Amino acid sequence: MLEGVNVALGVTGSIAAVKTVELAHELRRQGADVRGVMTGSAQGIVHPWAVEFATDNDVVTEITGRVEHVELCGYDGWADVFLIAPATANTVGKIAGAVDDTPVTTCATTALGADTPVVIAPAMHEPMYDHPGVLEAIDTVADWGVEFVDPRIEEGKAKIASEEAIVCDVARVAGERSLAGNQIVITTGATSEAIDPVRVLTNRSSGKMGRAVAKACYARGADVTLVHGVVGPQPVMRDGVHPNGELPYATVRPVESAAEMLEATREACEDADTLVSAAAIGDYTVAGSDEKIRSGQDLTLDLEPTPKLIDELRADHPKLPIVGFKAETSGDEAAMIEQARQTLSRAELAFVVANDASVMGADATKALFVHERDVARYEGPKAELGGEIADSIAAIVGDA
């Protein structure tokens, strides 16, 4: 997500500075090069050696005759983004007043003057965050184009945002924003049809692919609505599943049944520029029992087909670009392409991503980009495939 991006990481004197090492590691895992800048107060919480270890670069702890602030954040400086995480109330106020009395505030003033993108992740006690002067300072700096990553309000504290949220906003600020101004609706996850109050019909979808597409579209500047179904039978530990339904890169509309997913997607697509139908929507529903069905008896379920979401949305929006997904189990590439092209033609899709159902729940995938006349192959992490799909969407809406 951050391949080739240079991030200058400013660290100030919040106790959340203890998270700096892991944040630096995550930025680097996402492809960024990172260099640390620390205030004196931050050095009392986390040692510069720890930040040096995490970034694999020397850390700026004072501004010297080498004019480190200009080298990092000035015109033609090293940094593509200046990230301050955590940022104290003191630091935000100083930035708003152009006060340069720490390495971090001096780098911030330099970055703002040189139009180097700045991202700020505040962290402080909640009463400080609610102070009128602090809120005014945040509004002032935000009006200058600085991106704020909102803190999590918990236990009387405005806690620093998650690493995922910070990384997503850094990627959004650093990227070309090829989808800026676009509303992207993405369906993902499984649907679940109630047999009785206890039992359901569902499938093995984890929703990872749809979330990867959503994150990639957000990083490219889109506003994303994620219509998220249930997560099918998976191991207890599931990376990327957010039980509270909140995601830093998308507005989430949680649904359960195929009917709920269709209704929510219809509503979300009223103002959409593109629909990505990545969900594994159940093909059948059943008239469920209001009472638990007792075990130990022969049972026959009468299954009824569910509406095809892409067909319904195509009827509603004849001109809307729609990206489809097609999962097969045959392992026959030619047959997979043929099935994908049938769907492509029937619903007049922009393109279809076809894969084998065996990748459900996995972090990696093999996929085919099936267009009317050509086919492209992909093998690798779903996160990177999400980026490929987002770039293909950008090409489509850019030509529209």
Protein backbone atom coordinates (compact mmCIF):
# COMPACT_ATOMS: atom_id res chain seq x y z
CA MET A 1 0.00 0.00 0.00
CA LEU A 2 2.93 2.36 0.66
CA GLU A 3 5.51 1.02 -1.78
CA GLY A 4 8.08 3.70 -2.55
CA VAL A 5 6.61 6.24 -0.10
CA ASN A 6 8.97 8.13 2.23
CA VAL A 7 7.35 8.86 5.61
CA ALA A 8 8.88 11.23 8.16
CA LEU A 9 7.38 10.08 11.46
CA GLY A 10 7.05 12.79 14.11
CA VAL A 11 6.72 11.54 17.70
CA THR A 12 5.56 13.82 20.52
CA GLY A 13 5.21 13.45 24.28
CA SER A 14 1.99 11.46 24.61
CA ILE A 15 2.04 8.11 26.38
CA ALA A 16 0.79 6.74 23.05
CA ALA A 17 4.40 7.16 21.89
CA VAL A 18 4.92 3.64 23.25
CA LYS A 19 3.08 2.47 20.12
CA THR A 20 5.53 4.22 17.80
CA VAL A 21 7.79 1.22 17.31
CA GLU A 22 4.96 -1.00 16.10
CA LEU A 23 3.55 1.79 13.94
CA ALA A 24 6.93 2.26 12.27
CA HIS A 25 7.15 -1.48 11.67
CA GLU A 26 3.66 -1.49 10.10
CA LEU A 27 4.50 1.43 7.83
CA ARG A 28 7.56 -0.47 6.65
CA ARG A 29 5.59 -3.70 6.24
CA GLN A 30 3.33 -1.77 3.89
CA GLY A 31 6.36 -0.71 1.83
CA ALA A 32 7.28 2.71 3.24
CA ASP A 33 10.71 4.02 4.13
CA VAL A 34 10.52 5.74 7.53
CA ARG A 35 12.66 8.28 9.35
CA GLY A 36 11.87 9.39 12.89
CA VAL A 37 11.69 12.92 14.35
CA MET A 38 11.24 13.21 18.12
CA THR A 39 10.51 15.94 20.64
CA GLY A 40 12.39 16.01 23.94
CA SER A 41 9.21 14.93 25.77
CA ALA A 42 8.79 11.94 23.45
CA GLN A 43 12.35 10.84 24.24
CA GLY A 44 11.32 10.59 27.89
CA ILE A 45 8.70 7.98 26.92
CA VAL A 46 10.40 5.98 24.17
CA HIS A 47 14.16 5.92 23.59
CA PRO A 48 15.43 7.20 20.23
CA TRP A 49 17.34 3.94 19.84
CA ALA A 50 14.01 2.09 19.75
CA VAL A 51 12.77 4.37 16.97
CA GLU A 52 16.10 4.00 15.17
CA PHE A 53 15.73 0.22 15.38
CA ALA A 54 12.11 0.34 14.16
CA THR A 55 12.87 2.62 11.21
CA ASP A 56 16.39 1.40 10.39
CA ASN A 57 17.37 5.06 10.05
CA ASP A 58 18.97 7.75 12.19
CA VAL A 59 16.48 9.72 14.30
CA VAL A 60 16.27 13.51 14.38
CA THR A 61 16.25 14.61 18.03
CA GLU A 62 17.38 18.21 17.48
CA ILE A 63 17.64 20.69 14.63
CA THR A 64 21.29 21.43 13.93
CA GLY A 65 23.34 23.21 11.31
CA ARG A 66 22.41 20.38 8.94
CA VAL A 67 18.88 21.93 8.79
CA GLU A 68 17.25 18.55 9.16
CA HIS A 69 13.75 20.02 8.87
CA VAL A 70 14.46 21.35 5.39
CA GLU A 71 16.23 18.17 4.28
CA LEU A 72 13.23 16.12 5.39
CA CYS A 73 10.20 18.31 4.67
CA GLY A 74 11.32 21.33 2.64
CA TYR A 75 11.10 21.97 -1.09
CA ASP A 76 12.31 18.78 -2.80
CA GLY A 77 12.76 17.25 0.67
CA TRP A 78 13.10 13.53 1.37
CA ALA A 79 9.61 13.02 2.82
CA ASP A 80 6.53 12.37 0.72
CA VAL A 81 4.43 12.65 3.88
CA PHE A 82 5.06 14.09 7.34
CA LEU A 83 3.11 11.95 9.83
CA ILE A 84 2.80 13.08 13.46
CA ALA A 85 1.70 10.13 15.56
CA PRO A 86 1.00 10.65 18.35
CA ALA A 87 0.32 14.37 18.36
CA THR A 88 -0.33 16.06 21.72
CA ALA A 89 -2.69 18.99 22.30
CA ASN A 90 0.43 21.09 22.86
CA THR A 91 1.88 20.16 19.48
CA VAL A 92 -1.36 20.75 17.54
CA GLY A 93 -1.73 24.17 19.16
CA LYS A 94 1.84 25.10 18.28
CA ILE A 95 1.41 24.02 14.66
CA ALA A 96 -1.72 26.19 14.40
CA GLY A 97 0.29 29.14 15.71
CA ALA A 98 3.43 28.45 13.61
CA VAL A 99 5.46 27.95 16.79
CA ASP A 100 8.73 26.12 16.06
CA ASP A 101 10.32 25.07 19.35
CA THR A 102 10.71 21.32 18.82
CA PRO A 103 12.05 19.24 15.92
CA VAL A 104 8.48 18.06 15.22
CA THR A 105 6.86 21.52 15.11
CA THR A 106 9.74 22.88 13.03
CA CYS A 107 9.30 20.05 10.53
CA ALA A 108 5.54 20.70 10.51
CA THR A 109 5.96 24.40 9.71
CA THR A 110 8.45 23.53 6.98
CA ALA A 111 6.18 20.87 5.48
CA LEU A 112 3.16 23.18 5.44
CA GLY A 113 5.17 25.91 3.77
CA ALA A 114 6.55 23.50 1.17
CA ASP A 115 3.18 21.80 0.47
CA THR A 116 4.47 18.50 1.78
CA PRO A 117 1.39 16.49 2.85
CA VAL A 118 0.89 16.30 6.62
CA VAL A 119 -1.09 13.67 8.55
CA ILE A 120 -1.77 14.10 12.28
CA ALA A 121 -2.99 11.39 14.68
CA PRO A 122 -3.93 13.13 17.97
CA ALA A 123 -3.71 11.36 21.33
CA MET A 124 -4.58 12.96 24.69
CA HIS A 125 -7.07 12.79 27.54
CA GLU A 126 -10.64 13.42 26.42
CA PRO A 127 -11.09 16.72 28.34
CA MET A 128 -8.02 18.09 26.54
CA TYR A 129 -9.44 16.97 23.19
CA ASP A 130 -12.70 18.77 24.05
CA HIS A 131 -10.97 22.04 24.97
CA PRO A 132 -12.29 24.84 22.72
CA GLY A 133 -8.78 26.01 21.93
CA VAL A 134 -7.65 22.53 20.91
CA LEU A 135 -10.72 22.04 18.72
CA GLU A 136 -10.14 25.45 17.14
CA ALA A 137 -6.51 24.57 16.48
CA ILE A 138 -7.54 21.27 14.85
CA ASP A 139 -10.07 23.10 12.65
CA THR A 140 -7.47 25.70 11.70
CA VAL A 141 -4.85 23.15 10.73
CA ALA A 142 -7.43 20.96 8.92
CA ASP A 143 -8.45 24.00 6.86
CA TRP A 144 -4.85 24.17 5.66
CA GLY A 145 -5.24 20.71 4.14
CA VAL A 146 -3.79 18.63 6.96
CA GLU A 147 -5.39 15.19 7.30
CA PHE A 148 -6.44 14.27 10.85
CA VAL A 149 -6.86 10.62 11.82
CA ASP A 150 -9.60 10.79 14.42
CA PRO A 151 -8.77 9.28 17.83
CA ARG A 152 -10.79 6.54 19.51
CA ILE A 153 -12.77 7.95 22.46
CA GLU A 154 -12.50 5.31 25.20
CA GLU A 155 -12.19 5.35 29.00
CA GLY A 156 -12.06 9.15 29.17
CA LYS A 157 -9.20 9.29 26.69
CA ALA A 158 -8.85 10.31 23.06
CA LYS A 159 -6.67 7.33 22.21
CA ILE A 160 -4.49 7.26 19.12
CA ALA A 161 -6.17 5.72 16.08
CA SER A 162 -5.36 2.16 15.06
CA GLU A 163 -2.30 1.42 12.97
CA GLU A 164 -4.60 0.37 10.14
CA ALA A 165 -6.42 3.73 10.20
CA ILE A 166 -3.16 5.67 10.23
CA VAL A 167 -1.64 3.64 7.41
CA CYS A 168 -4.80 4.02 5.30
CA ASP A 169 -4.80 7.79 5.67
CA VAL A 170 -1.08 8.06 4.94
CA ALA A 171 -1.65 6.02 1.77
CA ARG A 172 -4.61 8.20 0.81
CA VAL A 173 -2.60 11.40 1.24
CA ALA A 174 0.54 10.05 -0.46
CA GLY A 175 -1.19 8.48 -3.48
CA GLU A 176 -2.35 9.90 -6.79
CA ARG A 177 -6.01 9.83 -5.66
CA SER A 178 -7.14 8.46 -9.01
CA LEU A 179 -10.60 7.78 -7.56
CA ALA A 180 -11.06 11.11 -5.77
CA GLY A 181 -14.66 12.28 -5.89
CA ASN A 182 -15.98 8.80 -6.68
CA GLN A 183 -18.53 6.90 -4.62
CA ILE A 184 -17.65 3.19 -4.67
CA VAL A 185 -20.04 0.57 -3.31
CA ILE A 186 -18.56 -2.84 -2.53
CA THR A 187 -20.35 -5.97 -1.36
CA THR A 188 -18.36 -8.57 0.53
CA GLY A 189 -18.61 -11.49 2.93
CA ALA A 190 -21.21 -14.24 2.92
CA THR A 191 -24.96 -14.18 3.29
CA SER A 192 -26.84 -16.35 5.75
CA GLU A 193 -30.37 -17.72 5.46
CA ALA A 194 -32.11 -18.77 8.67
CA ILE A 195 -33.42 -22.35 8.80
CA ASP A 196 -34.60 -21.80 12.35
CA PRO A 197 -33.50 -19.46 15.19
CA VAL A 198 -30.30 -21.54 15.61
CA ARG A 199 -29.31 -22.95 12.21
CA VAL A 200 -28.42 -21.17 8.98
CA LEU A 201 -27.45 -21.81 5.38
CA THR A 202 -24.21 -19.98 4.57
CA ASN A 203 -20.84 -20.38 2.84
CA ARG A 204 -17.12 -20.07 3.56
CA SER A 205 -16.51 -16.48 2.45
CA SER A 206 -14.27 -14.46 4.79
CA GLY A 207 -14.86 -11.07 3.14
CA LYS A 208 -11.09 -10.48 2.84
CA MET A 209 -11.18 -9.81 -0.89
CA GLY A 210 -13.91 -7.19 -0.67
CA ARG A 211 -12.19 -5.47 2.24
CA ALA A 212 -8.93 -5.40 0.27
CA VAL A 213 -10.70 -3.71 -2.65
CA ALA A 214 -12.37 -1.24 -0.29
CA LYS A 215 -9.07 -0.32 1.35
CA ALA A 216 -7.37 0.12 -2.04
CA CYS A 217 -10.18 2.34 -3.34
CA TYR A 218 -10.05 4.47 -0.18
CA ALA A 219 -6.27 4.88 -0.59
CA ARG A 220 -6.94 6.19 -4.10
CA GLY A 221 -9.29 8.86 -2.78
CA ALA A 222 -12.71 7.24 -3.12
CA ASP A 223 -15.54 7.42 -0.61
CA VAL A 224 -16.37 3.77 0.03
CA THR A 225 -19.53 2.08 1.25
CA LEU A 226 -19.01 -1.55 2.22
CA VAL A 227 -22.11 -3.73 2.34
CA HIS A 228 -20.69 -6.48 4.54
CA GLY A 229 -22.32 -9.85 5.02
CA VAL A 230 -21.57 -12.38 7.69
CA VAL A 231 -18.25 -14.21 7.82
CA GLY A 232 -18.62 -17.89 7.06
CA PRO A 233 -17.05 -20.82 8.93
CA GLN A 234 -13.46 -19.72 9.57
CA PRO A 235 -10.83 -20.38 12.25
CA VAL A 236 -11.33 -18.53 15.54
CA MET A 237 -8.53 -16.06 14.80
CA ARG A 238 -9.50 -14.08 11.68
CA ASP A 239 -7.20 -11.27 10.59
CA GLY A 240 -9.01 -8.20 9.42
CA VAL A 241 -12.45 -9.02 10.82
CA HIS A 242 -13.78 -6.14 12.89
CA PRO A 243 -16.46 -7.40 15.27
CA ASN A 244 -17.85 -3.89 15.87
CA GLY A 245 -18.43 -3.40 12.16
CA GLU A 246 -16.31 -0.24 12.03
CA LEU A 247 -13.60 0.16 9.41
CA PRO A 248 -11.34 3.20 8.98
CA TYR A 249 -11.59 3.11 5.19
CA ALA A 250 -15.30 2.56 4.58
CA THR A 251 -18.80 3.23 5.80
CA VAL A 252 -20.04 -0.24 6.72
CA ARG A 253 -23.59 -1.49 6.26
CA PRO A 254 -23.77 -4.89 7.97
CA VAL A 255 -26.30 -7.34 6.55
CA GLU A 256 -27.14 -10.99 6.99
CA SER A 257 -29.47 -12.41 4.34
CA ALA A 258 -29.35 -12.14 0.56
CA ALA A 259 -32.50 -10.00 0.66
CA GLU A 260 -30.91 -7.62 3.16
CA MET A 261 -27.77 -7.37 1.03
CA LEU A 262 -29.81 -6.55 -2.07
CA GLU A 263 -31.81 -3.88 -0.24
CA ALA A 264 -28.74 -2.27 1.35
CA THR A 265 -26.85 -2.31 -1.96
CA ARG A 266 -29.77 -0.72 -3.77
CA GLU A 267 -29.84 2.10 -1.25
CA ALA A 268 -26.06 2.58 -1.36
CA CYS A 269 -26.00 2.64 -5.17
CA GLU A 270 -28.37 5.60 -5.46
CA ASP A 271 -25.34 7.92 -5.64
CA ALA A 272 -22.68 5.37 -6.63
CA ASP A 273 -20.16 5.73 -9.44
CA THR A 274 -19.17 2.03 -9.39
CA LEU A 275 -20.40 -1.19 -7.79
CA VAL A 276 -18.01 -4.03 -6.96
CA SER A 277 -19.98 -7.20 -6.27
CA ALA A 278 -17.44 -9.30 -4.34
CA ALA A 279 -19.84 -10.88 -1.83
CA ALA A 280 -20.56 -14.62 -1.87
CA ILE A 281 -24.32 -14.25 -1.95
CA GLY A 282 -26.27 -17.42 -1.28
CA ASP A 283 -28.09 -18.75 -4.34
CA TYR A 284 -30.92 -20.17 -2.26
CA THR A 285 -33.07 -19.19 0.69
CA VAL A 286 -35.52 -21.20 2.75
CA ALA A 287 -38.76 -20.57 4.60
CA GLY A 288 -37.39 -20.68 8.14
CA SER A 289 -39.09 -22.08 11.20
CA ASP A 290 -39.94 -19.73 14.09
CA GLU A 291 -39.05 -22.50 16.54
CA LYS A 292 -35.89 -24.58 16.77
CA ILE A 293 -36.22 -27.74 14.68
CA ARG A 294 -35.61 -30.76 16.86
CA SER A 295 -32.72 -33.01 15.92
CA GLY A 296 -32.91 -36.73 15.21
CA GLN A 297 -35.60 -36.58 12.52
CA ASP A 298 -35.56 -36.78 8.76
CA LEU A 299 -35.85 -33.29 7.35
CA THR A 300 -36.44 -31.90 3.89
CA LEU A 301 -35.82 -28.23 3.17
CA ASP A 302 -37.56 -26.50 0.28
CA LEU A 303 -35.03 -24.12 -1.22
CA GLU A 304 -36.01 -21.10 -3.27
CA PRO A 305 -33.59 -19.19 -5.53
CA THR A 306 -32.51 -15.73 -4.43
CA PRO A 307 -32.46 -12.80 -6.89
CA LYS A 308 -29.15 -12.16 -8.66
CA LEU A 309 -27.85 -8.93 -7.16
CA ILE A 310 -25.92 -7.80 -10.24
CA ASP A 311 -28.95 -8.41 -12.48
CA GLU A 312 -31.20 -6.45 -10.15
CA LEU A 313 -28.75 -3.54 -9.92
CA ARG A 314 -28.18 -3.55 -13.66
CA ALA A 315 -31.93 -3.20 -14.17
CA ASP A 316 -31.99 -0.31 -11.68
CA HIS A 317 -28.90 1.42 -13.10
CA PRO A 318 -28.33 0.65 -16.81
CA LYS A 319 -25.19 2.81 -17.05
CA LEU A 320 -23.53 1.99 -13.70
CA PRO A 321 -20.11 0.31 -14.04
CA ILE A 322 -20.31 -3.02 -12.20
CA VAL A 323 -17.41 -5.33 -11.41
CA GLY A 324 -18.39 -8.94 -10.86
CA PHE A 325 -16.72 -11.88 -9.12
CA LYS A 326 -17.07 -15.51 -10.14
CA ALA A 327 -15.96 -18.44 -7.97
CA GLU A 328 -15.74 -21.94 -9.48
CA THR A 329 -14.58 -25.33 -8.20
CA SER A 330 -13.68 -27.22 -11.39
CA GLY A 331 -10.07 -26.07 -11.53
CA ASP A 332 -10.49 -25.80 -15.31
CA GLU A 333 -9.30 -22.35 -16.40
CA ALA A 334 -11.06 -22.47 -19.76
CA ALA A 335 -14.36 -23.36 -18.09
CA MET A 336 -13.85 -20.59 -15.52
CA ILE A 337 -13.29 -18.04 -18.28
CA GLU A 338 -16.38 -19.24 -20.15
CA GLN A 339 -18.56 -18.95 -17.04
CA ALA A 340 -17.16 -15.50 -16.30
CA ARG A 341 -17.85 -14.31 -19.84
CA GLN A 342 -21.42 -15.53 -19.65
CA THR A 343 -21.93 -13.43 -16.53
CA LEU A 344 -20.05 -10.52 -18.12
CA SER A 345 -22.36 -10.55 -21.13
CA ARG A 346 -25.61 -11.20 -19.27
CA ALA A 347 -25.23 -8.29 -16.82
CA GLU A 348 -23.13 -6.02 -19.06
CA LEU A 349 -20.31 -5.90 -16.51
CA ALA A 350 -17.13 -3.85 -16.76
CA PHE A 351 -15.07 -6.97 -16.06
CA VAL A 352 -15.19 -10.12 -13.96
CA VAL A 353 -12.63 -11.37 -11.44
CA ALA A 354 -12.75 -15.17 -11.58
CA ASN A 355 -11.07 -17.46 -9.08
CA ASP A 356 -11.23 -20.92 -7.58
CA ALA A 357 -13.40 -21.29 -4.49
CA SER A 358 -10.47 -22.87 -2.64
CA VAL A 359 -9.08 -19.38 -1.89
CA MET A 360 -11.99 -18.50 0.41
CA GLY A 361 -10.57 -17.39 3.75
CA ALA A 362 -6.96 -17.33 2.49
CA ASP A 363 -4.70 -14.27 2.36
CA ALA A 364 -3.41 -15.13 -1.13
CA THR A 365 -5.29 -15.89 -4.31
CA LYS A 366 -5.08 -16.78 -7.97
CA ALA A 367 -7.44 -14.81 -10.15
CA LEU A 368 -8.32 -14.02 -13.73
CA PHE A 369 -9.35 -10.57 -14.92
CA VAL A 370 -11.88 -11.51 -17.59
CA HIS A 371 -12.85 -8.89 -20.14
CA GLU A 372 -14.87 -9.31 -23.31
CA ARG A 373 -11.80 -9.91 -25.47
CA ASP A 374 -8.84 -10.56 -23.19
CA VAL A 375 -7.85 -12.22 -19.93
CA ALA A 376 -5.16 -11.16 -17.43
CA ARG A 377 -3.79 -13.47 -14.74
CA TYR A 378 -2.88 -12.59 -11.17
CA GLU A 379 -1.28 -14.60 -8.38
CA GLY A 380 -0.35 -13.15 -4.99
CA PRO A 381 -1.78 -11.49 -1.88
CA LYS A 382 -5.41 -10.39 -1.91
CA ALA A 383 -4.27 -6.97 -0.69
CA GLU A 384 -2.29 -6.45 -3.89
CA LEU A 385 -5.12 -7.81 -6.03
CA GLY A 386 -7.34 -5.20 -4.36
CA GLY A 387 -4.97 -2.55 -5.68
CA GLU A 388 -5.09 -4.01 -9.20
CA ILE A 389 -8.89 -3.96 -9.13
CA ALA A 390 -8.94 -0.37 -7.82
CA ASP A 391 -6.59 0.71 -10.63
CA SER A 392 -8.84 -0.99 -13.19
CA ILE A 393 -11.86 0.84 -11.74
CA ALA A 394 -9.96 4.15 -11.94
CA ALA A 395 -9.27 3.50 -15.62
CA ILE A 396 -12.97 2.83 -16.23
CA VAL A 397 -14.35 5.88 -14.43
CA GLY A 398 -11.58 8.01 -15.89
CA ASP A 399 -12.72 7.10 -19.39
CA ALA A 400 -16.39 7.59 -18.59
